[in-house]
Amino acid sequence: MKHYAVNTQVEWEWGNGSATGNIREKFTSDVERTIKGSSVKREASDNDPAYLIEQDDGSKVLKSHSEIKKSS
């Protein structure tokens, strides 16, 4: 599985469409962040990292590698 680098633009399914953003941080151990007042957790490892992604409007999301793909 190829990992994504910081600043890579990625996308993921969201509702009936998709969302995009740029990777700002990569995590290779379990991570928890407070985003918009809610605690968000992802399990992460060297083989399946998690990423903090910033969307165009400045909001942030925490996603596992398996939830995202590189934008085309």
N, C-alpha and C. Protein backbone atom coordinates (compact mmCIF):
# COMPACT_ATOMS: atom_id res chain seq x y z
N MET A 1 0.85 -1.18 0.00
CA MET A 1 0.00 0.00 0.00
C MET A 1 0.89 1.24 0.00
N LYS A 2 0.71 2.10 -0.98
CA LYS A 2 1.51 3.32 -1.06
C LYS A 2 0.90 4.39 -0.16
N HIS A 3 1.72 4.99 0.67
CA HIS A 3 1.26 6.04 1.57
C HIS A 3 1.27 7.37 0.85
N TYR A 4 0.49 8.31 1.37
CA TYR A 4 0.42 9.65 0.80
C TYR A 4 1.30 10.60 1.60
N ALA A 5 1.92 11.54 0.90
CA ALA A 5 2.80 12.52 1.54
C ALA A 5 2.00 13.75 1.97
N VAL A 6 2.56 14.51 2.90
CA VAL A 6 1.98 15.79 3.30
C VAL A 6 1.84 16.66 2.05
N ASN A 7 0.75 17.40 1.98
CA ASN A 7 0.38 18.30 0.87
C ASN A 7 -0.21 17.58 -0.34
N THR A 8 -0.38 16.26 -0.28
CA THR A 8 -1.05 15.54 -1.36
C THR A 8 -2.55 15.84 -1.30
N GLN A 9 -3.16 16.12 -2.45
CA GLN A 9 -4.60 16.33 -2.49
C GLN A 9 -5.29 14.98 -2.60
N VAL A 10 -6.26 14.75 -1.70
CA VAL A 10 -6.98 13.48 -1.66
C VAL A 10 -8.48 13.73 -1.66
N GLU A 11 -9.23 12.65 -1.87
CA GLU A 11 -10.69 12.75 -1.84
C GLU A 11 -11.26 11.53 -1.12
N TRP A 12 -12.51 11.66 -0.68
CA TRP A 12 -13.21 10.58 -0.01
C TRP A 12 -14.70 10.75 -0.24
N GLU A 13 -15.42 9.67 -0.11
CA GLU A 13 -16.87 9.72 -0.28
C GLU A 13 -17.50 10.42 0.91
N TRP A 14 -18.48 11.29 0.61
CA TRP A 14 -19.14 12.06 1.64
C TRP A 14 -20.58 12.27 1.22
N GLY A 15 -21.53 11.72 1.96
CA GLY A 15 -22.93 11.85 1.58
C GLY A 15 -23.18 11.22 0.22
N ASN A 16 -23.80 11.97 -0.68
CA ASN A 16 -24.07 11.47 -2.02
C ASN A 16 -22.98 11.83 -3.01
N GLY A 17 -21.90 12.43 -2.54
CA GLY A 17 -20.83 12.85 -3.43
C GLY A 17 -19.47 12.55 -2.84
N SER A 18 -18.57 13.51 -3.00
CA SER A 18 -17.23 13.33 -2.44
C SER A 18 -16.73 14.67 -1.91
N ALA A 19 -15.69 14.60 -1.10
CA ALA A 19 -15.05 15.78 -0.54
C ALA A 19 -13.56 15.69 -0.85
N THR A 20 -12.89 16.83 -0.85
CA THR A 20 -11.46 16.86 -1.13
C THR A 20 -10.74 17.71 -0.09
N GLY A 21 -9.45 17.48 0.01
CA GLY A 21 -8.62 18.28 0.89
C GLY A 21 -7.16 17.90 0.72
N ASN A 22 -6.29 18.60 1.43
CA ASN A 22 -4.86 18.37 1.37
C ASN A 22 -4.36 17.80 2.69
N ILE A 23 -3.53 16.79 2.61
CA ILE A 23 -2.97 16.17 3.81
C ILE A 23 -2.04 17.15 4.50
N ARG A 24 -2.24 17.34 5.79
CA ARG A 24 -1.41 18.24 6.59
C ARG A 24 -0.50 17.50 7.56
N GLU A 25 -0.96 16.30 8.01
CA GLU A 25 -0.15 15.49 8.94
C GLU A 25 -0.43 14.02 8.68
N LYS A 26 0.59 13.19 8.91
CA LYS A 26 0.46 11.74 8.77
C LYS A 26 0.79 11.11 10.12
N PHE A 27 -0.01 10.12 10.53
CA PHE A 27 0.17 9.46 11.82
C PHE A 27 0.37 7.97 11.62
N THR A 28 1.35 7.40 12.30
CA THR A 28 1.61 5.96 12.21
C THR A 28 1.35 5.25 13.54
N SER A 29 0.74 5.97 14.48
CA SER A 29 0.25 5.35 15.72
C SER A 29 -1.13 5.94 15.99
N ASP A 30 -1.90 5.27 16.84
CA ASP A 30 -3.27 5.70 17.10
C ASP A 30 -3.31 7.19 17.44
N VAL A 31 -4.33 7.87 16.94
CA VAL A 31 -4.39 9.32 17.09
C VAL A 31 -5.81 9.74 17.48
N GLU A 32 -5.88 10.80 18.28
CA GLU A 32 -7.16 11.39 18.66
C GLU A 32 -7.02 12.90 18.56
N ARG A 33 -7.98 13.54 17.93
CA ARG A 33 -7.98 14.99 17.78
C ARG A 33 -9.38 15.51 18.08
N THR A 34 -9.46 16.73 18.58
CA THR A 34 -10.75 17.39 18.76
C THR A 34 -10.97 18.27 17.55
N ILE A 35 -12.02 17.96 16.80
CA ILE A 35 -12.35 18.69 15.58
C ILE A 35 -13.78 19.18 15.70
N LYS A 36 -13.95 20.49 15.61
CA LYS A 36 -15.27 21.11 15.74
C LYS A 36 -15.96 20.68 17.03
N GLY A 37 -15.19 20.59 18.11
CA GLY A 37 -15.74 20.26 19.42
C GLY A 37 -15.99 18.79 19.68
N SER A 38 -15.71 17.93 18.72
CA SER A 38 -15.92 16.49 18.89
C SER A 38 -14.60 15.74 18.86
N SER A 39 -14.49 14.72 19.69
CA SER A 39 -13.29 13.89 19.70
C SER A 39 -13.37 12.89 18.55
N VAL A 40 -12.33 12.88 17.72
CA VAL A 40 -12.27 11.96 16.58
C VAL A 40 -11.03 11.09 16.76
N LYS A 41 -11.20 9.77 16.64
CA LYS A 41 -10.09 8.83 16.82
C LYS A 41 -9.91 7.99 15.57
N ARG A 42 -8.67 7.62 15.29
CA ARG A 42 -8.37 6.68 14.23
C ARG A 42 -7.24 5.77 14.71
N GLU A 43 -7.38 4.48 14.44
CA GLU A 43 -6.28 3.56 14.66
C GLU A 43 -5.33 3.74 13.49
N ALA A 44 -4.03 3.74 13.78
CA ALA A 44 -3.05 3.94 12.72
C ALA A 44 -1.82 3.10 13.00
N SER A 45 -1.11 2.76 11.93
CA SER A 45 0.12 1.98 12.03
C SER A 45 1.01 2.34 10.85
N ASP A 46 2.21 1.78 10.82
CA ASP A 46 3.10 2.00 9.68
C ASP A 46 2.45 1.53 8.38
N ASN A 47 1.71 0.42 8.45
CA ASN A 47 1.08 -0.14 7.26
C ASN A 47 -0.24 0.52 6.89
N ASP A 48 -0.91 1.14 7.86
CA ASP A 48 -2.21 1.77 7.61
C ASP A 48 -2.27 3.09 8.38
N PRO A 49 -1.60 4.13 7.86
CA PRO A 49 -1.54 5.40 8.58
C PRO A 49 -2.88 6.14 8.58
N ALA A 50 -2.96 7.14 9.44
CA ALA A 50 -4.09 8.06 9.46
C ALA A 50 -3.57 9.43 9.03
N TYR A 51 -4.47 10.27 8.55
CA TYR A 51 -4.07 11.57 8.03
C TYR A 51 -5.00 12.66 8.56
N LEU A 52 -4.41 13.80 8.92
CA LEU A 52 -5.18 15.01 9.21
C LEU A 52 -5.25 15.77 7.89
N ILE A 53 -6.45 16.02 7.42
CA ILE A 53 -6.67 16.62 6.11
C ILE A 53 -7.38 17.96 6.29
N GLU A 54 -6.89 18.98 5.58
CA GLU A 54 -7.52 20.30 5.61
C GLU A 54 -8.28 20.51 4.31
N GLN A 55 -9.56 20.83 4.44
CA GLN A 55 -10.39 21.08 3.27
C GLN A 55 -10.21 22.53 2.81
N ASP A 56 -10.71 22.85 1.62
CA ASP A 56 -10.55 24.19 1.06
C ASP A 56 -11.12 25.29 1.95
N ASP A 57 -12.18 24.98 2.69
CA ASP A 57 -12.80 25.99 3.57
C ASP A 57 -12.09 26.11 4.91
N GLY A 58 -10.98 25.36 5.09
CA GLY A 58 -10.20 25.43 6.32
C GLY A 58 -10.59 24.40 7.37
N SER A 59 -11.72 23.72 7.18
CA SER A 59 -12.11 22.70 8.16
C SER A 59 -11.19 21.49 8.03
N LYS A 60 -11.08 20.74 9.11
CA LYS A 60 -10.16 19.60 9.14
C LYS A 60 -10.92 18.31 9.42
N VAL A 61 -10.40 17.23 8.87
CA VAL A 61 -10.95 15.89 9.10
C VAL A 61 -9.80 14.94 9.36
N LEU A 62 -10.10 13.87 10.08
CA LEU A 62 -9.12 12.82 10.36
C LEU A 62 -9.60 11.56 9.65
N LYS A 63 -8.79 11.03 8.75
CA LYS A 63 -9.19 9.88 7.94
C LYS A 63 -8.11 8.81 7.97
N SER A 64 -8.55 7.55 7.87
CA SER A 64 -7.63 6.42 7.72
C SER A 64 -7.24 6.30 6.25
N HIS A 65 -6.10 5.68 6.00
CA HIS A 65 -5.62 5.50 4.63
C HIS A 65 -6.67 4.82 3.77
N SER A 66 -7.36 3.84 4.33
CA SER A 66 -8.35 3.07 3.57
C SER A 66 -9.59 3.89 3.20
N GLU A 67 -9.78 5.06 3.82
CA GLU A 67 -10.96 5.89 3.55
C GLU A 67 -10.75 6.89 2.42
N ILE A 68 -9.50 7.07 1.98
CA ILE A 68 -9.21 8.14 1.02
C ILE A 68 -8.51 7.59 -0.22
N LYS A 69 -8.49 8.42 -1.26
CA LYS A 69 -7.71 8.11 -2.46
C LYS A 69 -7.17 9.42 -3.01
N LYS A 70 -6.09 9.32 -3.77
CA LYS A 70 -5.47 10.50 -4.35
C LYS A 70 -6.43 11.10 -5.38
N SER A 71 -6.58 12.43 -5.33
CA SER A 71 -7.45 13.11 -6.30
C SER A 71 -6.86 12.99 -7.68
N SER A 72 -7.74 12.84 -8.65
CA SER A 72 -7.26 12.72 -10.04
C SER A 72 -7.30 14.05 -10.76
